[in-house]
Amino acid sequence: MSGKSRAGTRQRRPAGQGMQRQGNGRSAARRQGNDGSAQRPGTPAAQRKAAAAERTAKLAAARQAQRRAERRRKIGVRAAIAAVVAAAVAGLFVIFSNSASNQGPGAYPYQVGSPGRGQTAPAFSLATSTGGNISLSAYRGKSVLLFFQEGLTCQPCWNQITDLQKHAAQLKAAGISQVISITGDPVGAITQKTRDMGLTIPVLSDPGLAVSQQYHANSYGMMGAGRDGHTFILVGPNGVVRWRADYGGAPKYIMFLPTTTMLAQMKAGEHPS
């Protein structure tokens, strides 16, 4: 065969083969695009993926910022609490330091009202927190310490009863057989108060202040004549007043004093300052 014939044969190669190779190239390109390995960032799928990644990053950053803010807030709260506690402790230290340095005769001044020493103690019978009534005459032959106090509005007065109760042995050693508190509040309220505080000392109710007025115990308090002050009266076995101290009057309006201080002043028979 001549060269011309061979050339003609080559020229007559089926046109479909070239088109098939070109088509195979486009199919490969489409397959490559479908698996995402050569996807252009401008396509909608890539844009959605980028937007989702951006939202995830922003959410993570916001959560991290929120956690940091919460940690800062907790640290601030703890610091504030610590500061308050420190201030309270410092304040109590100053109070007790001053109290300890002022235990001389003038630290708890008192007056002496009437009936005073040597006078007969007025009789009474009042409802009590322990149930029923208590009469002064029931303690004839014993020494009784009467404690007139302001009542439910004066927590230090109730702390005073707690302190008296804690020093029961010292009171007994001083010859005191019974401590009785008297206040103007209703018996139901004072009964609940004594139960709440675990008090065993009887608290008597004098709502009209009739007994308090007989003892002039409502003349030495910061609340005026409508409330008792902070008065102690020791009634002897014969019903006669042996010692009296009205602590609640001006200028200090004392609503609490250590039982040991009261006993020391009682023993010394200290006169008003």
C-alpha atoms as a PDB file:
ATOM      1  CA  MET A   1       0.000   0.000   0.000  1.00  0.00           C
ATOM      2  CA  SER A   2       1.237   3.388  -0.890  1.00  0.00           C
ATOM      3  CA  GLY A   3       1.968   6.171   1.580  1.00  0.00           C
ATOM      4  CA  LYS A   4      -1.022   8.058   0.324  1.00  0.00           C
ATOM      5  CA  SER A   5      -3.328   5.200   1.099  1.00  0.00           C
ATOM      6  CA  ARG A   6      -1.945   4.873   4.602  1.00  0.00           C
ATOM      7  CA  ALA A   7      -2.392   8.568   5.236  1.00  0.00           C
ATOM      8  CA  GLY A   8      -5.927   8.366   4.044  1.00  0.00           C
ATOM      9  CA  THR A   9      -6.569   5.500   6.343  1.00  0.00           C
ATOM     10  CA  ARG A  10      -5.279   7.485   9.298  1.00  0.00           C
ATOM     11  CA  GLN A  11      -7.430  10.420   8.367  1.00  0.00           C
ATOM     12  CA  ARG A  12     -10.520   8.225   8.282  1.00  0.00           C
ATOM     13  CA  ARG A  13     -10.213   7.284  12.022  1.00  0.00           C
ATOM     14  CA  PRO A  14     -13.667   7.316  13.604  1.00  0.00           C
ATOM     15  CA  ALA A  15     -14.500  10.738  14.942  1.00  0.00           C
ATOM     16  CA  GLY A  16     -16.290   9.217  17.939  1.00  0.00           C
ATOM     17  CA  GLN A  17     -13.024   8.141  19.568  1.00  0.00           C
ATOM     18  CA  GLY A  18     -11.851  11.709  20.097  1.00  0.00           C
ATOM     19  CA  MET A  19     -15.204  12.763  21.378  1.00  0.00           C
ATOM     20  CA  GLN A  20     -15.225   9.785  23.741  1.00  0.00           C
ATOM     21  CA  ARG A  21     -11.868  10.800  25.229  1.00  0.00           C
ATOM     22  CA  GLN A  22     -13.063  14.376  25.675  1.00  0.00           C
ATOM     23  CA  GLY A  23     -16.265  13.160  27.281  1.00  0.00           C
ATOM     24  CA  ASN A  24     -14.303  10.920  29.630  1.00  0.00           C
ATOM     25  CA  GLY A  25     -12.268  13.955  30.717  1.00  0.00           C
ATOM     26  CA  ARG A  26     -15.420  15.938  31.557  1.00  0.00           C
ATOM     27  CA  SER A  27     -16.863  12.979  33.478  1.00  0.00           C
ATOM     28  CA  ALA A  28     -13.685  12.706  35.523  1.00  0.00           C
ATOM     29  CA  ALA A  29     -13.869  16.404  36.226  1.00  0.00           C
ATOM     30  CA  ARG A  30     -17.470  16.025  37.398  1.00  0.00           C
ATOM     31  CA  ARG A  31     -16.532  13.080  39.613  1.00  0.00           C
ATOM     32  CA  GLN A  32     -13.691  15.070  41.106  1.00  0.00           C
ATOM     33  CA  GLY A  33     -16.109  17.906  41.858  1.00  0.00           C
ATOM     34  CA  ASN A  34     -18.634  15.600  43.501  1.00  0.00           C
ATOM     35  CA  ASP A  35     -16.189  14.259  46.073  1.00  0.00           C
ATOM     36  CA  GLY A  36     -15.304  17.830  47.120  1.00  0.00           C
ATOM     37  CA  SER A  37     -11.547  17.505  46.517  1.00  0.00           C
ATOM     38  CA  ALA A  38     -11.362  20.237  43.936  1.00  0.00           C
ATOM     39  CA  GLN A  39     -14.559  22.202  44.650  1.00  0.00           C
ATOM     40  CA  ARG A  40     -14.290  25.911  44.009  1.00  0.00           C
ATOM     41  CA  PRO A  41     -14.993  28.147  47.050  1.00  0.00           C
ATOM     42  CA  GLY A  42     -17.465  30.137  45.065  1.00  0.00           C
ATOM     43  CA  THR A  43     -19.997  27.319  44.849  1.00  0.00           C
ATOM     44  CA  PRO A  44     -23.111  27.442  47.103  1.00  0.00           C
ATOM     45  CA  ALA A  45     -22.085  24.303  49.017  1.00  0.00           C
ATOM     46  CA  ALA A  46     -18.689  25.759  49.880  1.00  0.00           C
ATOM     47  CA  GLN A  47     -20.266  29.037  50.967  1.00  0.00           C
ATOM     48  CA  ARG A  48     -22.687  27.216  53.275  1.00  0.00           C
ATOM     49  CA  LYS A  49     -19.852  25.209  54.744  1.00  0.00           C
ATOM     50  CA  ALA A  50     -17.781  28.338  55.371  1.00  0.00           C
ATOM     51  CA  ALA A  51     -20.760  30.138  56.948  1.00  0.00           C
ATOM     52  CA  ALA A  52     -21.460  27.179  59.241  1.00  0.00           C
ATOM     53  CA  ALA A  53     -17.814  27.087  60.326  1.00  0.00           C
ATOM     54  CA  GLU A  54     -17.909  30.814  61.033  1.00  0.00           C
ATOM     55  CA  ARG A  55     -21.074  30.473  63.142  1.00  0.00           C
ATOM     56  CA  THR A  56     -19.532  27.590  65.093  1.00  0.00           C
ATOM     57  CA  ALA A  57     -16.408  29.629  65.764  1.00  0.00           C
ATOM     58  CA  LYS A  58     -18.444  32.642  66.927  1.00  0.00           C
ATOM     59  CA  LEU A  59     -20.593  30.484  69.214  1.00  0.00           C
ATOM     60  CA  ALA A  60     -17.513  28.875  70.751  1.00  0.00           C
ATOM     61  CA  ALA A  61     -15.953  32.299  71.304  1.00  0.00           C
ATOM     62  CA  ALA A  62     -19.155  33.614  72.923  1.00  0.00           C
ATOM     63  CA  ARG A  63     -19.345  30.619  75.242  1.00  0.00           C
ATOM     64  CA  GLN A  64     -15.727  31.037  76.233  1.00  0.00           C
ATOM     65  CA  ALA A  65     -16.288  34.739  76.941  1.00  0.00           C
ATOM     66  CA  GLN A  66     -19.356  33.856  79.019  1.00  0.00           C
ATOM     67  CA  ARG A  67     -17.357  31.336  81.054  1.00  0.00           C
ATOM     68  CA  ARG A  68     -14.632  33.923  81.661  1.00  0.00           C
ATOM     69  CA  ALA A  69     -17.220  36.480  82.774  1.00  0.00           C
ATOM     70  CA  GLU A  70     -18.841  33.927  85.119  1.00  0.00           C
ATOM     71  CA  ARG A  71     -15.448  33.110  86.641  1.00  0.00           C
ATOM     72  CA  ARG A  72     -14.745  36.814  87.160  1.00  0.00           C
ATOM     73  CA  ARG A  73     -18.170  37.277  88.758  1.00  0.00           C
ATOM     74  CA  LYS A  74     -17.629  34.369  91.170  1.00  0.00           C
ATOM     75  CA  ILE A  75     -14.207  35.678  92.100  1.00  0.00           C
ATOM     76  CA  GLY A  76     -15.719  39.111  92.734  1.00  0.00           C
ATOM     77  CA  VAL A  77     -18.484  37.670  94.929  1.00  0.00           C
ATOM     78  CA  ARG A  78     -15.999  35.631  96.957  1.00  0.00           C
ATOM     79  CA  ALA A  79     -13.798  38.677  97.401  1.00  0.00           C
ATOM     80  CA  ALA A  80     -16.766  40.771  98.556  1.00  0.00           C
ATOM     81  CA  ILE A  81     -17.841  38.109 101.064  1.00  0.00           C
ATOM     82  CA  ALA A  82     -14.305  37.832 102.374  1.00  0.00           C
ATOM     83  CA  ALA A  83     -14.145  41.607 102.786  1.00  0.00           C
ATOM     84  CA  VAL A  84     -17.437  41.683 104.698  1.00  0.00           C
ATOM     85  CA  VAL A  85     -16.342  38.846 106.984  1.00  0.00           C
ATOM     86  CA  ALA A  86     -13.008  40.532 107.605  1.00  0.00           C
ATOM     87  CA  ALA A  87     -14.745  43.811 108.432  1.00  0.00           C
ATOM     88  CA  ALA A  88     -17.147  42.047 110.799  1.00  0.00           C
ATOM     89  CA  VAL A  89     -14.323  40.237 112.558  1.00  0.00           C
ATOM     90  CA  ALA A  90     -12.396  43.479 112.872  1.00  0.00           C
ATOM     91  CA  GLY A  91     -15.466  45.224 114.268  1.00  0.00           C
ATOM     92  CA  LEU A  92     -16.063  42.476 116.827  1.00  0.00           C
ATOM     93  CA  PHE A  93     -12.408  42.601 117.796  1.00  0.00           C
ATOM     94  CA  VAL A  94     -12.646  46.328 118.446  1.00  0.00           C
ATOM     95  CA  ILE A  95     -15.878  45.912 120.420  1.00  0.00           C
ATOM     96  CA  PHE A  96     -14.538  43.131 122.613  1.00  0.00           C
ATOM     97  CA  SER A  97     -11.199  44.877 123.015  1.00  0.00           C
ATOM     98  CA  ASN A  98     -12.952  48.004 124.236  1.00  0.00           C
ATOM     99  CA  SER A  99     -15.217  45.926 126.434  1.00  0.00           C
ATOM    100  CA  ALA A 100     -12.283  44.135 127.981  1.00  0.00           C
ATOM    101  CA  SER A 101     -10.536  47.427 128.669  1.00  0.00           C
ATOM    102  CA  ASN A 102     -13.634  48.937 130.303  1.00  0.00           C
ATOM    103  CA  GLN A 103     -14.426  46.420 133.010  1.00  0.00           C
ATOM    104  CA  GLY A 104     -13.896  48.894 135.812  1.00  0.00           C
ATOM    105  CA  PRO A 105     -16.608  50.136 138.215  1.00  0.00           C
ATOM    106  CA  GLY A 106     -17.814  52.715 135.682  1.00  0.00           C
ATOM    107  CA  ALA A 107     -18.282  50.234 132.817  1.00  0.00           C
ATOM    108  CA  TYR A 108     -21.770  49.254 134.010  1.00  0.00           C
ATOM    109  CA  PRO A 109     -23.189  52.174 135.997  1.00  0.00           C
ATOM    110  CA  TYR A 110     -26.598  51.816 137.555  1.00  0.00           C
ATOM    111  CA  GLN A 111     -29.126  53.718 139.609  1.00  0.00           C
ATOM    112  CA  VAL A 112     -31.149  52.521 142.590  1.00  0.00           C
ATOM    113  CA  GLY A 113     -34.894  53.018 142.457  1.00  0.00           C
ATOM    114  CA  SER A 114     -37.635  52.326 144.948  1.00  0.00           C
ATOM    115  CA  PRO A 115     -38.403  49.974 146.560  1.00  0.00           C
ATOM    116  CA  GLY A 116     -34.733  49.679 147.463  1.00  0.00           C
ATOM    117  CA  ARG A 117     -32.730  47.940 150.114  1.00  0.00           C
ATOM    118  CA  GLY A 118     -34.646  47.344 153.337  1.00  0.00           C
ATOM    119  CA  GLN A 119     -38.088  47.881 151.789  1.00  0.00           C
ATOM    120  CA  THR A 120     -40.761  45.238 151.378  1.00  0.00           C
ATOM    121  CA  ALA A 121     -41.067  43.839 147.868  1.00  0.00           C
ATOM    122  CA  PRO A 122     -44.620  44.273 146.472  1.00  0.00           C
ATOM    123  CA  ALA A 123     -46.489  40.989 146.086  1.00  0.00           C
ATOM    124  CA  PHE A 124     -47.527  39.736 142.652  1.00  0.00           C
ATOM    125  CA  SER A 125     -48.913  36.741 140.782  1.00  0.00           C
ATOM    126  CA  LEU A 126     -48.341  36.632 137.008  1.00  0.00           C
ATOM    127  CA  ALA A 127     -48.710  34.184 134.116  1.00  0.00           C
ATOM    128  CA  THR A 128     -45.417  32.517 133.253  1.00  0.00           C
ATOM    129  CA  SER A 129     -43.723  30.970 130.236  1.00  0.00           C
ATOM    130  CA  THR A 130     -43.429  27.688 132.134  1.00  0.00           C
ATOM    131  CA  GLY A 131     -47.225  27.416 132.469  1.00  0.00           C
ATOM    132  CA  GLY A 132     -49.683  28.633 135.080  1.00  0.00           C
ATOM    133  CA  ASN A 133     -48.931  31.538 137.405  1.00  0.00           C
ATOM    134  CA  ILE A 134     -46.021  32.344 139.686  1.00  0.00           C
ATOM    135  CA  SER A 135     -46.435  34.296 142.934  1.00  0.00           C
ATOM    136  CA  LEU A 136     -43.642  35.997 144.831  1.00  0.00           C
ATOM    137  CA  SER A 137     -45.058  34.583 148.044  1.00  0.00           C
ATOM    138  CA  ALA A 138     -44.280  31.064 146.798  1.00  0.00           C
ATOM    139  CA  TYR A 139     -40.590  31.809 147.361  1.00  0.00           C
ATOM    140  CA  ARG A 140     -40.891  32.983 150.948  1.00  0.00           C
ATOM    141  CA  GLY A 141     -37.921  31.563 152.820  1.00  0.00           C
ATOM    142  CA  LYS A 142     -35.701  31.744 149.706  1.00  0.00           C
ATOM    143  CA  SER A 143     -33.759  34.476 147.951  1.00  0.00           C
ATOM    144  CA  VAL A 144     -35.208  35.411 144.557  1.00  0.00           C
ATOM    145  CA  LEU A 145     -33.555  37.572 141.894  1.00  0.00           C
ATOM    146  CA  LEU A 146     -36.114  39.540 139.864  1.00  0.00           C
ATOM    147  CA  PHE A 147     -34.998  40.653 136.421  1.00  0.00           C
ATOM    148  CA  PHE A 148     -37.243  43.270 134.798  1.00  0.00           C
ATOM    149  CA  GLN A 149     -36.443  43.612 131.081  1.00  0.00           C
ATOM    150  CA  GLU A 150     -37.673  45.330 127.944  1.00  0.00           C
ATOM    151  CA  GLY A 151     -39.071  42.239 126.232  1.00  0.00           C
ATOM    152  CA  LEU A 152     -39.249  40.834 122.718  1.00  0.00           C
ATOM    153  CA  THR A 153     -37.889  43.982 121.068  1.00  0.00           C
ATOM    154  CA  CYS A 154     -34.636  43.688 123.036  1.00  0.00           C
ATOM    155  CA  GLN A 155     -32.567  40.666 122.007  1.00  0.00           C
ATOM    156  CA  PRO A 156     -29.716  41.599 124.393  1.00  0.00           C
ATOM    157  CA  CYS A 157     -32.235  41.270 127.228  1.00  0.00           C
ATOM    158  CA  TRP A 158     -32.875  37.664 126.226  1.00  0.00           C
ATOM    159  CA  ASN A 159     -29.162  37.089 125.861  1.00  0.00           C
ATOM    160  CA  GLN A 160     -28.952  38.301 129.453  1.00  0.00           C
ATOM    161  CA  ILE A 161     -31.301  35.500 130.527  1.00  0.00           C
ATOM    162  CA  THR A 162     -29.136  33.018 128.633  1.00  0.00           C
ATOM    163  CA  ASP A 163     -26.078  34.319 130.481  1.00  0.00           C
ATOM    164  CA  LEU A 164     -27.862  34.079 133.830  1.00  0.00           C
ATOM    165  CA  GLN A 165     -28.800  30.511 133.006  1.00  0.00           C
ATOM    166  CA  LYS A 166     -25.197  29.645 132.120  1.00  0.00           C
ATOM    167  CA  HIS A 167     -24.036  30.974 135.488  1.00  0.00           C
ATOM    168  CA  ALA A 168     -26.605  29.079 137.558  1.00  0.00           C
ATOM    169  CA  ALA A 169     -23.864  27.586 139.751  1.00  0.00           C
ATOM    170  CA  GLN A 170     -22.405  31.006 140.584  1.00  0.00           C
ATOM    171  CA  LEU A 171     -25.872  32.383 141.357  1.00  0.00           C
ATOM    172  CA  LYS A 172     -26.567  29.469 143.663  1.00  0.00           C
ATOM    173  CA  ALA A 173     -23.198  29.983 145.370  1.00  0.00           C
ATOM    174  CA  ALA A 174     -24.236  33.605 145.994  1.00  0.00           C
ATOM    175  CA  GLY A 175     -27.323  32.337 147.854  1.00  0.00           C
ATOM    176  CA  ILE A 176     -29.828  32.980 145.067  1.00  0.00           C
ATOM    177  CA  SER A 177     -32.394  30.163 144.888  1.00  0.00           C
ATOM    178  CA  GLN A 178     -34.396  31.349 141.863  1.00  0.00           C
ATOM    179  CA  VAL A 179     -34.164  33.839 138.991  1.00  0.00           C
ATOM    180  CA  ILE A 180     -37.421  35.232 137.587  1.00  0.00           C
ATOM    181  CA  SER A 181     -37.695  37.595 134.616  1.00  0.00           C
ATOM    182  CA  ILE A 182     -40.632  39.984 134.161  1.00  0.00           C
ATOM    183  CA  THR A 183     -41.618  41.812 130.963  1.00  0.00           C
ATOM    184  CA  GLY A 184     -44.666  43.510 129.470  1.00  0.00           C
ATOM    185  CA  ASP A 185     -45.154  41.157 126.506  1.00  0.00           C
ATOM    186  CA  PRO A 186     -48.034  38.623 126.214  1.00  0.00           C
ATOM    187  CA  VAL A 187     -47.427  35.237 127.779  1.00  0.00           C
ATOM    188  CA  GLY A 188     -47.929  33.357 124.487  1.00  0.00           C
ATOM    189  CA  ALA A 189     -45.186  35.323 122.732  1.00  0.00           C
ATOM    190  CA  ILE A 190     -42.683  35.042 125.556  1.00  0.00           C
ATOM    191  CA  THR A 191     -43.440  31.325 125.924  1.00  0.00           C
ATOM    192  CA  GLN A 192     -42.538  30.802 122.255  1.00  0.00           C
ATOM    193  CA  LYS A 193     -39.413  32.924 122.667  1.00  0.00           C
ATOM    194  CA  THR A 194     -38.176  30.920 125.645  1.00  0.00           C
ATOM    195  CA  ARG A 195     -38.780  27.682 123.749  1.00  0.00           C
ATOM    196  CA  ASP A 196     -36.915  28.960 120.709  1.00  0.00           C
ATOM    197  CA  MET A 197     -33.926  29.920 122.853  1.00  0.00           C
ATOM    198  CA  GLY A 198     -34.039  26.888 125.147  1.00  0.00           C
ATOM    199  CA  LEU A 199     -34.530  28.974 128.300  1.00  0.00           C
ATOM    200  CA  THR A 200     -35.613  27.360 131.554  1.00  0.00           C
ATOM    201  CA  ILE A 201     -35.697  30.523 133.669  1.00  0.00           C
ATOM    202  CA  PRO A 202     -39.373  31.520 134.072  1.00  0.00           C
ATOM    203  CA  VAL A 203     -40.393  34.691 132.225  1.00  0.00           C
ATOM    204  CA  LEU A 204     -43.527  36.336 133.627  1.00  0.00           C
ATOM    205  CA  SER A 205     -45.984  38.389 131.595  1.00  0.00           C
ATOM    206  CA  ASP A 206     -46.957  41.820 132.967  1.00  0.00           C
ATOM    207  CA  PRO A 207     -48.868  43.228 129.950  1.00  0.00           C
ATOM    208  CA  GLY A 208     -50.380  46.182 131.788  1.00  0.00           C
ATOM    209  CA  LEU A 209     -47.092  46.895 133.612  1.00  0.00           C
ATOM    210  CA  ALA A 210     -48.996  46.984 136.898  1.00  0.00           C
ATOM    211  CA  VAL A 211     -46.276  45.064 138.743  1.00  0.00           C
ATOM    212  CA  SER A 212     -43.495  46.911 136.919  1.00  0.00           C
ATOM    213  CA  GLN A 213     -44.965  50.231 138.025  1.00  0.00           C
ATOM    214  CA  GLN A 214     -45.115  49.058 141.637  1.00  0.00           C
ATOM    215  CA  TYR A 215     -41.394  48.345 141.409  1.00  0.00           C
ATOM    216  CA  HIS A 216     -40.750  51.476 139.246  1.00  0.00           C
ATOM    217  CA  ALA A 217     -38.874  49.166 136.864  1.00  0.00           C
ATOM    218  CA  ASN A 218     -40.286  51.054 133.859  1.00  0.00           C
ATOM    219  CA  SER A 219     -38.534  54.282 134.889  1.00  0.00           C
ATOM    220  CA  TYR A 220     -35.046  53.310 133.724  1.00  0.00           C
ATOM    221  CA  GLY A 221     -35.206  52.355 130.054  1.00  0.00           C
ATOM    222  CA  MET A 222     -34.636  53.975 126.685  1.00  0.00           C
ATOM    223  CA  MET A 223     -38.240  53.246 125.637  1.00  0.00           C
ATOM    224  CA  GLY A 224     -39.819  55.460 128.271  1.00  0.00           C
ATOM    225  CA  ALA A 225     -42.486  54.375 130.761  1.00  0.00           C
ATOM    226  CA  GLY A 226     -44.088  51.999 128.246  1.00  0.00           C
ATOM    227  CA  ARG A 227     -41.334  49.406 128.708  1.00  0.00           C
ATOM    228  CA  ASP A 228     -39.189  48.088 131.529  1.00  0.00           C
ATOM    229  CA  GLY A 229     -35.514  48.945 131.532  1.00  0.00           C
ATOM    230  CA  HIS A 230     -32.872  46.532 132.787  1.00  0.00           C
ATOM    231  CA  THR A 231     -33.486  46.196 136.516  1.00  0.00           C
ATOM    232  CA  PHE A 232     -32.273  43.573 138.992  1.00  0.00           C
ATOM    233  CA  ILE A 233     -33.862  43.291 142.427  1.00  0.00           C
ATOM    234  CA  LEU A 234     -32.763  40.721 144.991  1.00  0.00           C
ATOM    235  CA  VAL A 235     -35.593  39.813 147.368  1.00  0.00           C
ATOM    236  CA  GLY A 236     -34.507  38.058 150.569  1.00  0.00           C
ATOM    237  CA  PRO A 237     -36.176  35.102 152.304  1.00  0.00           C
ATOM    238  CA  ASN A 238     -38.270  37.497 154.401  1.00  0.00           C
ATOM    239  CA  GLY A 239     -39.700  39.311 151.373  1.00  0.00           C
ATOM    240  CA  VAL A 240     -37.505  42.389 151.875  1.00  0.00           C
ATOM    241  CA  VAL A 241     -35.329  43.912 149.136  1.00  0.00           C
ATOM    242  CA  ARG A 242     -31.666  43.193 149.840  1.00  0.00           C
ATOM    243  CA  TRP A 243     -30.097  44.766 146.735  1.00  0.00           C
ATOM    244  CA  ARG A 244     -31.245  46.669 143.646  1.00  0.00           C
ATOM    245  CA  ALA A 245     -29.593  47.939 140.469  1.00  0.00           C
ATOM    246  CA  ASP A 246     -31.314  49.764 137.594  1.00  0.00           C
ATOM    247  CA  TYR A 247     -28.873  49.437 134.663  1.00  0.00           C
ATOM    248  CA  GLY A 248     -31.124  50.543 131.829  1.00  0.00           C
ATOM    249  CA  GLY A 249     -31.124  54.288 132.415  1.00  0.00           C
ATOM    250  CA  ALA A 250     -29.289  57.179 130.812  1.00  0.00           C
ATOM    251  CA  PRO A 251     -26.665  57.853 129.737  1.00  0.00           C
ATOM    252  CA  LYS A 252     -25.536  54.332 128.723  1.00  0.00           C
ATOM    253  CA  TYR A 253     -28.878  52.476 128.578  1.00  0.00           C
ATOM    254  CA  ILE A 254     -27.255  49.169 129.386  1.00  0.00           C
ATOM    255  CA  MET A 255     -29.253  46.205 128.069  1.00  0.00           C
ATOM    256  CA  PHE A 256     -26.700  43.498 128.829  1.00  0.00           C
ATOM    257  CA  LEU A 257     -23.973  42.993 131.402  1.00  0.00           C
ATOM    258  CA  PRO A 258     -21.999  39.902 132.370  1.00  0.00           C
ATOM    259  CA  THR A 259     -23.618  37.965 135.189  1.00  0.00           C
ATOM    260  CA  THR A 260     -20.234  37.800 136.906  1.00  0.00           C
ATOM    261  CA  THR A 261     -20.071  41.611 136.928  1.00  0.00           C
ATOM    262  CA  MET A 262     -23.553  41.844 138.421  1.00  0.00           C
ATOM    263  CA  LEU A 263     -22.639  39.343 141.130  1.00  0.00           C
ATOM    264  CA  ALA A 264     -19.452  41.244 141.931  1.00  0.00           C
ATOM    265  CA  GLN A 265     -21.371  44.508 142.254  1.00  0.00           C
ATOM    266  CA  MET A 266     -24.027  42.790 144.330  1.00  0.00           C
ATOM    267  CA  LYS A 267     -21.400  41.372 146.679  1.00  0.00           C
ATOM    268  CA  ALA A 268     -19.605  44.700 147.035  1.00  0.00           C
ATOM    269  CA  GLY A 269     -22.861  46.582 147.550  1.00  0.00           C
ATOM    270  CA  GLU A 270     -21.526  49.130 145.067  1.00  0.00           C
ATOM    271  CA  HIS A 271     -23.312  52.449 145.093  1.00  0.00           C
ATOM    272  CA  PRO A 272     -24.526  54.215 141.925  1.00  0.00           C
ATOM    273  CA  SER A 273     -21.844  55.972 139.923  1.00  0.00           C
END
